[in-house]
Amino acid sequence: MTSPRQYVTKPTFVEAWQIRVDNIKDVAKWCHGRVRGSSVIFPKIRNRGKPLQDTPKDNNHYALLGDYVVRVSNGFVRLSEEEFKSHYAPSGNRIKAS
């Protein structure tokens, strides 16, 4: 007879960029978004090519200064600084923005 075992989630590496005044245009370009004032607006992840919401305004993420834009398998998401730091720690590796 076997008993339950404990499991640990495998580490997942993500690419992320915190929005600052000096890099806001670069972040917008990286996530295929645009700058509006002190925020970056970029499309939400689509489900099989269809918008997530009926209205175009609801189909965008609005990331503010201090927020992180995170590349995930099928697009980009926004996390506040607090959310990001509670889930991720620096790996020590820098990547080239593409």
PDB file of N, CA and C in Angstrom:
ATOM      1  N   MET A   1       0.836  -1.179   0.000  1.00  0.00           N
ATOM      2  CA  MET A   1       0.000   0.000   0.000  1.00  0.00           C
ATOM      3  C   MET A   1       0.885   1.248   0.000  1.00  0.00           C
ATOM      4  N   THR A   2       0.480   2.254  -0.779  1.00  0.00           N
ATOM      5  CA  THR A   2       1.248   3.499  -0.833  1.00  0.00           C
ATOM      6  C   THR A   2       0.532   4.586  -0.046  1.00  0.00           C
ATOM      7  N   SER A   3       1.249   5.619   0.265  1.00  0.00           N
ATOM      8  CA  SER A   3       0.662   6.751   0.986  1.00  0.00           C
ATOM      9  C   SER A   3       0.891   8.026   0.169  1.00  0.00           C
ATOM     10  N   PRO A   4       0.178   9.107   0.487  1.00  0.00           N
ATOM     11  CA  PRO A   4       0.362  10.368  -0.242  1.00  0.00           C
ATOM     12  C   PRO A   4       1.795  10.861  -0.096  1.00  0.00           C
ATOM     13  N   ARG A   5       2.238  11.603  -1.101  1.00  0.00           N
ATOM     14  CA  ARG A   5       3.565  12.219  -1.085  1.00  0.00           C
ATOM     15  C   ARG A   5       3.422  13.716  -1.220  1.00  0.00           C
ATOM     16  N   GLN A   6       4.430  14.411  -0.777  1.00  0.00           N
ATOM     17  CA  GLN A   6       4.482  15.855  -0.952  1.00  0.00           C
ATOM     18  C   GLN A   6       5.212  16.168  -2.244  1.00  0.00           C
ATOM     19  N   TYR A   7       4.734  17.178  -2.969  1.00  0.00           N
ATOM     20  CA  TYR A   7       5.360  17.602  -4.215  1.00  0.00           C
ATOM     21  C   TYR A   7       5.633  19.105  -4.170  1.00  0.00           C
ATOM     22  N   VAL A   8       6.662  19.509  -4.872  1.00  0.00           N
ATOM     23  CA  VAL A   8       7.035  20.910  -4.971  1.00  0.00           C
ATOM     24  C   VAL A   8       6.886  21.326  -6.432  1.00  0.00           C
ATOM     25  N   THR A   9       6.348  22.488  -6.662  1.00  0.00           N
ATOM     26  CA  THR A   9       6.239  23.001  -8.019  1.00  0.00           C
ATOM     27  C   THR A   9       7.623  23.212  -8.604  1.00  0.00           C
ATOM     28  N   LYS A  10       7.804  22.782  -9.849  1.00  0.00           N
ATOM     29  CA  LYS A  10       9.087  22.996 -10.515  1.00  0.00           C
ATOM     30  C   LYS A  10       9.265  24.482 -10.794  1.00  0.00           C
ATOM     31  N   PRO A  11      10.497  24.956 -10.730  1.00  0.00           N
ATOM     32  CA  PRO A  11      10.722  26.381 -11.025  1.00  0.00           C
ATOM     33  C   PRO A  11      10.329  26.699 -12.474  1.00  0.00           C
ATOM     34  N   THR A  12       9.694  27.841 -12.627  1.00  0.00           N
ATOM     35  CA  THR A  12       9.332  28.334 -13.948  1.00  0.00           C
ATOM     36  C   THR A  12      10.030  29.670 -14.148  1.00  0.00           C
ATOM     37  N   PHE A  13      10.699  29.804 -15.257  1.00  0.00           N
ATOM     38  CA  PHE A  13      11.370  31.052 -15.563  1.00  0.00           C
ATOM     39  C   PHE A  13      10.476  31.874 -16.474  1.00  0.00           C
ATOM     40  N   VAL A  14      10.354  33.158 -16.197  1.00  0.00           N
ATOM     41  CA  VAL A  14       9.573  34.058 -17.029  1.00  0.00           C
ATOM     42  C   VAL A  14      10.428  35.259 -17.403  1.00  0.00           C
ATOM     43  N   GLU A  15      10.069  35.899 -18.492  1.00  0.00           N
ATOM     44  CA  GLU A  15      10.672  37.166 -18.864  1.00  0.00           C
ATOM     45  C   GLU A  15       9.741  38.257 -18.369  1.00  0.00           C
ATOM     46  N   ALA A  16      10.289  39.246 -17.695  1.00  0.00           N
ATOM     47  CA  ALA A  16       9.466  40.322 -17.153  1.00  0.00           C
ATOM     48  C   ALA A  16      10.248  41.625 -17.170  1.00  0.00           C
ATOM     49  N   TRP A  17       9.495  42.726 -17.218  1.00  0.00           N
ATOM     50  CA  TRP A  17      10.119  44.042 -17.251  1.00  0.00           C
ATOM     51  C   TRP A  17       9.281  44.971 -16.392  1.00  0.00           C
ATOM     52  N   GLN A  18       9.899  45.622 -15.419  1.00  0.00           N
ATOM     53  CA  GLN A  18       9.192  46.592 -14.604  1.00  0.00           C
ATOM     54  C   GLN A  18       9.165  47.922 -15.349  1.00  0.00           C
ATOM     55  N   ILE A  19       8.005  48.552 -15.383  1.00  0.00           N
ATOM     56  CA  ILE A  19       7.850  49.816 -16.095  1.00  0.00           C
ATOM     57  C   ILE A  19       8.385  50.956 -15.233  1.00  0.00           C
ATOM     58  N   ARG A  20       9.294  51.721 -15.839  1.00  0.00           N
ATOM     59  CA  ARG A  20       9.851  52.915 -15.204  1.00  0.00           C
ATOM     60  C   ARG A  20       9.782  54.057 -16.215  1.00  0.00           C
ATOM     61  N   VAL A  21       9.992  55.257 -15.750  1.00  0.00           N
ATOM     62  CA  VAL A  21       9.949  56.422 -16.631  1.00  0.00           C
ATOM     63  C   VAL A  21      10.975  56.278 -17.759  1.00  0.00           C
ATOM     64  N   ASP A  22      12.157  55.764 -17.438  1.00  0.00           N
ATOM     65  CA  ASP A  22      13.226  55.705 -18.436  1.00  0.00           C
ATOM     66  C   ASP A  22      13.120  54.533 -19.414  1.00  0.00           C
ATOM     67  N   ASN A  23      12.165  53.602 -19.213  1.00  0.00           N
ATOM     68  CA  ASN A  23      12.078  52.466 -20.136  1.00  0.00           C
ATOM     69  C   ASN A  23      10.664  52.227 -20.677  1.00  0.00           C
ATOM     70  N   ILE A  24       9.749  53.130 -20.386  1.00  0.00           N
ATOM     71  CA  ILE A  24       8.345  52.881 -20.718  1.00  0.00           C
ATOM     72  C   ILE A  24       8.131  52.627 -22.217  1.00  0.00           C
ATOM     73  N   LYS A  25       8.846  53.345 -23.076  1.00  0.00           N
ATOM     74  CA  LYS A  25       8.701  53.131 -24.532  1.00  0.00           C
ATOM     75  C   LYS A  25       9.246  51.769 -24.944  1.00  0.00           C
ATOM     76  N   ASP A  26      10.349  51.358 -24.335  1.00  0.00           N
ATOM     77  CA  ASP A  26      10.935  50.046 -24.649  1.00  0.00           C
ATOM     78  C   ASP A  26      10.014  48.912 -24.208  1.00  0.00           C
ATOM     79  N   VAL A  27       9.396  49.047 -23.023  1.00  0.00           N
ATOM     80  CA  VAL A  27       8.467  48.022 -22.536  1.00  0.00           C
ATOM     81  C   VAL A  27       7.269  47.921 -23.470  1.00  0.00           C
ATOM     82  N   ALA A  28       6.733  49.060 -23.888  1.00  0.00           N
ATOM     83  CA  ALA A  28       5.582  49.061 -24.791  1.00  0.00           C
ATOM     84  C   ALA A  28       5.918  48.358 -26.102  1.00  0.00           C
ATOM     85  N   LYS A  29       7.080  48.633 -26.644  1.00  0.00           N
ATOM     86  CA  LYS A  29       7.493  47.980 -27.889  1.00  0.00           C
ATOM     87  C   LYS A  29       7.638  46.471 -27.672  1.00  0.00           C
ATOM     88  N   TRP A  30       8.230  46.071 -26.553  1.00  0.00           N
ATOM     89  CA  TRP A  30       8.490  44.663 -26.244  1.00  0.00           C
ATOM     90  C   TRP A  30       7.199  43.855 -26.148  1.00  0.00           C
ATOM     91  N   CYS A  31       6.150  44.445 -25.555  1.00  0.00           N
ATOM     92  CA  CYS A  31       4.904  43.695 -25.365  1.00  0.00           C
ATOM     93  C   CYS A  31       3.844  44.038 -26.415  1.00  0.00           C
ATOM     94  N   HIS A  32       4.273  44.690 -27.487  1.00  0.00           N
ATOM     95  CA  HIS A  32       3.365  45.035 -28.600  1.00  0.00           C
ATOM     96  C   HIS A  32       2.242  45.958 -28.141  1.00  0.00           C
ATOM     97  N   GLY A  33       2.599  46.872 -27.254  1.00  0.00           N
ATOM     98  CA  GLY A  33       1.619  47.805 -26.724  1.00  0.00           C
ATOM     99  C   GLY A  33       1.913  49.224 -27.146  1.00  0.00           C
ATOM    100  N   ARG A  34       1.323  50.169 -26.432  1.00  0.00           N
ATOM    101  CA  ARG A  34       1.552  51.585 -26.708  1.00  0.00           C
ATOM    102  C   ARG A  34       1.549  52.348 -25.384  1.00  0.00           C
ATOM    103  N   VAL A  35       2.209  53.487 -25.396  1.00  0.00           N
ATOM    104  CA  VAL A  35       2.285  54.328 -24.202  1.00  0.00           C
ATOM    105  C   VAL A  35       1.120  55.312 -24.229  1.00  0.00           C
ATOM    106  N   ARG A  36       0.451  55.446 -23.094  1.00  0.00           N
ATOM    107  CA  ARG A  36      -0.570  56.482 -22.922  1.00  0.00           C
ATOM    108  C   ARG A  36      -0.313  57.112 -21.559  1.00  0.00           C
ATOM    109  N   GLY A  37       0.208  58.321 -21.584  1.00  0.00           N
ATOM    110  CA  GLY A  37       0.562  58.993 -20.331  1.00  0.00           C
ATOM    111  C   GLY A  37       1.655  58.230 -19.613  1.00  0.00           C
ATOM    112  N   SER A  38       1.374  57.784 -18.390  1.00  0.00           N
ATOM    113  CA  SER A  38       2.364  57.024 -17.619  1.00  0.00           C
ATOM    114  C   SER A  38       1.974  55.553 -17.532  1.00  0.00           C
ATOM    115  N   SER A  39       1.266  55.057 -18.559  1.00  0.00           N
ATOM    116  CA  SER A  39       0.896  53.642 -18.569  1.00  0.00           C
ATOM    117  C   SER A  39       1.189  53.024 -19.928  1.00  0.00           C
ATOM    118  N   VAL A  40       1.270  51.707 -19.930  1.00  0.00           N
ATOM    119  CA  VAL A  40       1.434  50.937 -21.160  1.00  0.00           C
ATOM    120  C   VAL A  40       0.146  50.149 -21.362  1.00  0.00           C
ATOM    121  N   ILE A  41      -0.406  50.246 -22.549  1.00  0.00           N
ATOM    122  CA  ILE A  41      -1.634  49.528 -22.877  1.00  0.00           C
ATOM    123  C   ILE A  41      -1.262  48.445 -23.879  1.00  0.00           C
ATOM    124  N   PHE A  42      -1.615  47.194 -23.554  1.00  0.00           N
ATOM    125  CA  PHE A  42      -1.293  46.093 -24.464  1.00  0.00           C
ATOM    126  C   PHE A  42      -2.432  45.086 -24.460  1.00  0.00           C
ATOM    127  N   PRO A  43      -2.559  44.304 -25.556  1.00  0.00           N
ATOM    128  CA  PRO A  43      -3.696  43.396 -25.695  1.00  0.00           C
ATOM    129  C   PRO A  43      -3.679  42.261 -24.687  1.00  0.00           C
ATOM    130  N   LYS A  44      -4.869  41.908 -24.199  1.00  0.00           N
ATOM    131  CA  LYS A  44      -5.013  40.719 -23.361  1.00  0.00           C
ATOM    132  C   LYS A  44      -4.833  39.486 -24.229  1.00  0.00           C
ATOM    133  N   ILE A  45      -4.543  38.378 -23.597  1.00  0.00           N
ATOM    134  CA  ILE A  45      -4.368  37.117 -24.304  1.00  0.00           C
ATOM    135  C   ILE A  45      -5.690  36.732 -24.955  1.00  0.00           C
ATOM    136  N   ARG A  46      -5.611  36.316 -26.177  1.00  0.00           N
ATOM    137  CA  ARG A  46      -6.799  35.921 -26.923  1.00  0.00           C
ATOM    138  C   ARG A  46      -7.015  34.415 -26.802  1.00  0.00           C
ATOM    139  N   ASN A  47      -8.252  34.001 -26.870  1.00  0.00           N
ATOM    140  CA  ASN A  47      -8.596  32.583 -26.838  1.00  0.00           C
ATOM    141  C   ASN A  47      -8.959  32.140 -28.248  1.00  0.00           C
ATOM    142  N   ARG A  48      -8.056  31.425 -28.883  1.00  0.00           N
ATOM    143  CA  ARG A  48      -8.276  30.944 -30.257  1.00  0.00           C
ATOM    144  C   ARG A  48      -8.606  32.086 -31.214  1.00  0.00           C
ATOM    145  N   GLY A  49      -7.925  33.214 -31.027  1.00  0.00           N
ATOM    146  CA  GLY A  49      -8.093  34.341 -31.930  1.00  0.00           C
ATOM    147  C   GLY A  49      -9.288  35.222 -31.655  1.00  0.00           C
ATOM    148  N   LYS A  50     -10.098  34.888 -30.663  1.00  0.00           N
ATOM    149  CA  LYS A  50     -11.284  35.686 -30.351  1.00  0.00           C
ATOM    150  C   LYS A  50     -11.009  36.577 -29.150  1.00  0.00           C
ATOM    151  N   PRO A  51     -11.536  37.809 -29.169  1.00  0.00           N
ATOM    152  CA  PRO A  51     -11.350  38.692 -28.009  1.00  0.00           C
ATOM    153  C   PRO A  51     -11.928  38.069 -26.742  1.00  0.00           C
ATOM    154  N   LEU A  52     -11.325  38.402 -25.617  1.00  0.00           N
ATOM    155  CA  LEU A  52     -11.806  37.890 -24.339  1.00  0.00           C
ATOM    156  C   LEU A  52     -13.117  38.541 -23.921  1.00  0.00           C
ATOM    157  N   GLN A  53     -13.292  39.800 -24.262  1.00  0.00           N
ATOM    158  CA  GLN A  53     -14.498  40.541 -23.882  1.00  0.00           C
ATOM    159  C   GLN A  53     -15.147  41.106 -25.142  1.00  0.00           C
ATOM    160  N   ASP A  54     -16.400  41.508 -25.022  1.00  0.00           N
ATOM    161  CA  ASP A  54     -17.128  42.044 -26.167  1.00  0.00           C
ATOM    162  C   ASP A  54     -16.674  43.430 -26.594  1.00  0.00           C
ATOM    163  N   THR A  55     -16.261  44.261 -25.629  1.00  0.00           N
ATOM    164  CA  THR A  55     -15.884  45.621 -25.978  1.00  0.00           C
ATOM    165  C   THR A  55     -14.372  45.752 -26.100  1.00  0.00           C
ATOM    166  N   PRO A  56     -13.892  46.490 -27.102  1.00  0.00           N
ATOM    167  CA  PRO A  56     -12.445  46.623 -27.316  1.00  0.00           C
ATOM    168  C   PRO A  56     -11.686  47.127 -26.094  1.00  0.00           C
ATOM    169  N   LYS A  57     -12.292  48.057 -25.305  1.00  0.00           N
ATOM    170  CA  LYS A  57     -11.606  48.597 -24.130  1.00  0.00           C
ATOM    171  C   LYS A  57     -11.277  47.491 -23.126  1.00  0.00           C
ATOM    172  N   ASP A  58     -12.169  46.512 -22.983  1.00  0.00           N
ATOM    173  CA  ASP A  58     -11.962  45.425 -22.034  1.00  0.00           C
ATOM    174  C   ASP A  58     -10.939  44.402 -22.510  1.00  0.00           C
ATOM    175  N   ASN A  59     -10.480  44.534 -23.737  1.00  0.00           N
ATOM    176  CA  ASN A  59      -9.510  43.588 -24.286  1.00  0.00           C
ATOM    177  C   ASN A  59      -8.074  44.064 -24.124  1.00  0.00           C
ATOM    178  N   ASN A  60      -7.846  45.046 -23.265  1.00  0.00           N
ATOM    179  CA  ASN A  60      -6.507  45.572 -23.048  1.00  0.00           C
ATOM    180  C   ASN A  60      -6.110  45.481 -21.583  1.00  0.00           C
ATOM    181  N   HIS A  61      -4.795  45.306 -21.360  1.00  0.00           N
ATOM    182  CA  HIS A  61      -4.219  45.447 -20.030  1.00  0.00           C
ATOM    183  C   HIS A  61      -3.728  46.886 -19.919  1.00  0.00           C
ATOM    184  N   TYR A  62      -3.836  47.461 -18.738  1.00  0.00           N
ATOM    185  CA  TYR A  62      -3.342  48.800 -18.478  1.00  0.00           C
ATOM    186  C   TYR A  62      -2.306  48.682 -17.376  1.00  0.00           C
ATOM    187  N   ALA A  63      -1.024  48.755 -17.738  1.00  0.00           N
ATOM    188  CA  ALA A  63       0.063  48.620 -16.777  1.00  0.00           C
ATOM    189  C   ALA A  63       0.619  50.001 -16.453  1.00  0.00           C
ATOM    190  N   LEU A  64       0.748  50.287 -15.170  1.00  0.00           N
ATOM    191  CA  LEU A  64       1.207  51.595 -14.712  1.00  0.00           C
ATOM    192  C   LEU A  64       2.675  51.565 -14.325  1.00  0.00           C
ATOM    193  N   LEU A  65       3.251  52.742 -14.112  1.00  0.00           N
ATOM    194  CA  LEU A  65       4.634  52.810 -13.630  1.00  0.00           C
ATOM    195  C   LEU A  65       4.751  51.960 -12.367  1.00  0.00           C
ATOM    196  N   GLY A  66       5.782  51.138 -12.299  1.00  0.00           N
ATOM    197  CA  GLY A  66       6.003  50.258 -11.151  1.00  0.00           C
ATOM    198  C   GLY A  66       5.457  48.860 -11.354  1.00  0.00           C
ATOM    199  N   ASP A  67       4.469  48.711 -12.259  1.00  0.00           N
ATOM    200  CA  ASP A  67       3.942  47.382 -12.562  1.00  0.00           C
ATOM    201  C   ASP A  67       4.957  46.585 -13.370  1.00  0.00           C
ATOM    202  N   TYR A  68       4.779  45.273 -13.399  1.00  0.00           N
ATOM    203  CA  TYR A  68       5.597  44.399 -14.221  1.00  0.00           C
ATOM    204  C   TYR A  68       4.768  43.875 -15.384  1.00  0.00           C
ATOM    205  N   VAL A  69       5.380  43.807 -16.557  1.00  0.00           N
ATOM    206  CA  VAL A  69       4.782  43.147 -17.711  1.00  0.00           C
ATOM    207  C   VAL A  69       5.529  41.829 -17.845  1.00  0.00           C
ATOM    208  N   VAL A  70       4.790  40.721 -17.844  1.00  0.00           N
ATOM    209  CA  VAL A  70       5.377  39.384 -17.827  1.00  0.00           C
ATOM    210  C   VAL A  70       4.982  38.639 -19.096  1.00  0.00           C
ATOM    211  N   ARG A  71       5.993  38.085 -19.784  1.00  0.00           N
ATOM    212  CA  ARG A  71       5.712  37.275 -20.969  1.00  0.00           C
ATOM    213  C   ARG A  71       5.327  35.876 -20.503  1.00  0.00           C
ATOM    214  N   VAL A  72       4.174  35.406 -20.947  1.00  0.00           N
ATOM    215  CA  VAL A  72       3.725  34.050 -20.670  1.00  0.00           C
ATOM    216  C   VAL A  72       3.649  33.302 -21.989  1.00  0.00           C
ATOM    217  N   SER A  73       3.286  32.036 -21.950  1.00  0.00           N
ATOM    218  CA  SER A  73       3.363  31.201 -23.142  1.00  0.00           C
ATOM    219  C   SER A  73       2.613  31.752 -24.341  1.00  0.00           C
ATOM    220  N   ASN A  74       1.513  32.453 -24.127  1.00  0.00           N
ATOM    221  CA  ASN A  74       0.734  32.921 -25.272  1.00  0.00           C
ATOM    222  C   ASN A  74       0.452  34.418 -25.250  1.00  0.00           C
ATOM    223  N   GLY A  75       1.330  35.204 -24.653  1.00  0.00           N
ATOM    224  CA  GLY A  75       1.155  36.647 -24.654  1.00  0.00           C
ATOM    225  C   GLY A  75       1.825  37.299 -23.466  1.00  0.00           C
ATOM    226  N   PHE A  76       1.232  38.366 -22.973  1.00  0.00           N
ATOM    227  CA  PHE A  76       1.778  39.133 -21.864  1.00  0.00           C
ATOM    228  C   PHE A  76       0.686  39.391 -20.840  1.00  0.00           C
ATOM    229  N   VAL A  77       1.071  39.486 -19.574  1.00  0.00           N
ATOM    230  CA  VAL A  77       0.142  39.832 -18.500  1.00  0.00           C
ATOM    231  C   VAL A  77       0.764  40.920 -17.634  1.00  0.00           C
ATOM    232  N   ARG A  78      -0.080  41.610 -16.863  1.00  0.00           N
ATOM    233  CA  ARG A  78       0.370  42.668 -15.968  1.00  0.00           C
ATOM    234  C   ARG A  78       0.258  42.186 -14.528  1.00  0.00           C
ATOM    235  N   LEU A  79       1.291  42.454 -13.757  1.00  0.00           N
ATOM    236  CA  LEU A  79       1.261  42.187 -12.317  1.00  0.00           C
ATOM    237  C   LEU A  79       1.730  43.442 -11.598  1.00  0.00           C
ATOM    238  N   SER A  80       1.105  43.748 -10.469  1.00  0.00           N
ATOM    239  CA  SER A  80       1.594  44.857  -9.658  1.00  0.00           C
ATOM    240  C   SER A  80       2.963  44.456  -9.097  1.00  0.00           C
ATOM    241  N   GLU A  81       3.705  45.422  -8.610  1.00  0.00           N
ATOM    242  CA  GLU A  81       5.017  45.123  -8.029  1.00  0.00           C
ATOM    243  C   GLU A  81       4.876  44.131  -6.878  1.00  0.00           C
ATOM    244  N   GLU A  82       3.858  44.326  -6.043  1.00  0.00           N
ATOM    245  CA  GLU A  82       3.627  43.441  -4.899  1.00  0.00           C
ATOM    246  C   GLU A  82       3.308  42.008  -5.354  1.00  0.00           C
ATOM    247  N   GLU A  83       2.412  41.875  -6.336  1.00  0.00           N
ATOM    248  CA  GLU A  83       2.071  40.544  -6.858  1.00  0.00           C
ATOM    249  C   GLU A  83       3.297  39.856  -7.449  1.00  0.00           C
ATOM    250  N   PHE A  84       4.054  40.622  -8.238  1.00  0.00           N
ATOM    251  CA  PHE A  84       5.223  40.048  -8.899  1.00  0.00           C
ATOM    252  C   PHE A  84       6.241  39.551  -7.874  1.00  0.00           C
ATOM    253  N   LYS A  85       6.561  40.380  -6.899  1.00  0.00           N
ATOM    254  CA  LYS A  85       7.586  40.018  -5.922  1.00  0.00           C
ATOM    255  C   LYS A  85       7.156  38.884  -5.000  1.00  0.00           C
ATOM    256  N   SER A  86       5.842  38.666  -4.862  1.00  0.00           N
ATOM    257  CA  SER A  86       5.391  37.546  -4.038  1.00  0.00           C
ATOM    258  C   SER A  86       5.477  36.216  -4.783  1.00  0.00           C
ATOM    259  N   HIS A  87       5.600  36.258  -6.110  1.00  0.00           N
ATOM    260  CA  HIS A  87       5.662  35.034  -6.910  1.00  0.00           C
ATOM    261  C   HIS A  87       7.014  34.772  -7.560  1.00  0.00           C
ATOM    262  N   TYR A  88       7.814  35.819  -7.766  1.00  0.00           N
ATOM    263  CA  TYR A  88       9.058  35.667  -8.529  1.00  0.00           C
ATOM    264  C   TYR A  88      10.239  36.279  -7.798  1.00  0.00           C
ATOM    265  N   ALA A  89      11.397  35.718  -8.052  1.00  0.00           N
ATOM    266  CA  ALA A  89      12.662  36.256  -7.555  1.00  0.00           C
ATOM    267  C   ALA A  89      13.623  36.314  -8.732  1.00  0.00           C
ATOM    268  N   PRO A  90      14.557  37.250  -8.747  1.00  0.00           N
ATOM    269  CA  PRO A  90      15.502  37.338  -9.865  1.00  0.00           C
ATOM    270  C   PRO A  90      16.309  36.046 -10.013  1.00  0.00           C
ATOM    271  N   SER A  91      16.543  35.647 -11.254  1.00  0.00           N
ATOM    272  CA  SER A  91      17.326  34.433 -11.503  1.00  0.00           C
ATOM    273  C   SER A  91      18.803  34.773 -11.657  1.00  0.00           C
ATOM    274  N   GLY A  92      19.102  36.045 -11.848  1.00  0.00           N
ATOM    275  CA  GLY A  92      20.481  36.453 -12.076  1.00  0.00           C
ATOM    276  C   GLY A  92      20.828  36.526 -13.549  1.00  0.00           C
ATOM    277  N   ASN A  93      19.952  36.008 -14.410  1.00  0.00           N
ATOM    278  CA  ASN A  93      20.204  36.024 -15.848  1.00  0.00           C
ATOM    279  C   ASN A  93      19.489  37.191 -16.497  1.00  0.00           C
ATOM    280  N   ARG A  94      20.203  37.927 -17.332  1.00  0.00           N
ATOM    281  CA  ARG A  94      19.591  39.001 -18.122  1.00  0.00           C
ATOM    282  C   ARG A  94      19.327  38.446 -19.508  1.00  0.00           C
ATOM    283  N   ILE A  95      18.275  38.940 -20.131  1.00  0.00           N
ATOM    284  CA  ILE A  95      17.945  38.500 -21.483  1.00  0.00           C
ATOM    285  C   ILE A  95      17.942  39.701 -22.401  1.00  0.00           C
ATOM    286  N   LYS A  96      18.047  39.450 -23.670  1.00  0.00           N
ATOM    287  CA  LYS A  96      17.985  40.520 -24.653  1.00  0.00           C
ATOM    288  C   LYS A  96      16.530  40.737 -25.027  1.00  0.00           C
ATOM    289  N   ALA A  97      16.056  41.979 -24.909  1.00  0.00           N
ATOM    290  CA  ALA A  97      14.669  42.280 -25.281  1.00  0.00           C
ATOM    291  C   ALA A  97      14.531  42.162 -26.792  1.00  0.00           C
ATOM    292  N   SER A  98      13.490  41.459 -27.221  1.00  0.00           N
ATOM    293  CA  SER A  98      13.279  41.303 -28.661  1.00  0.00           C
ATOM    294  C   SER A  98      11.977  41.913 -29.084  1.00  0.00           C
TER     295      SER A  98
END
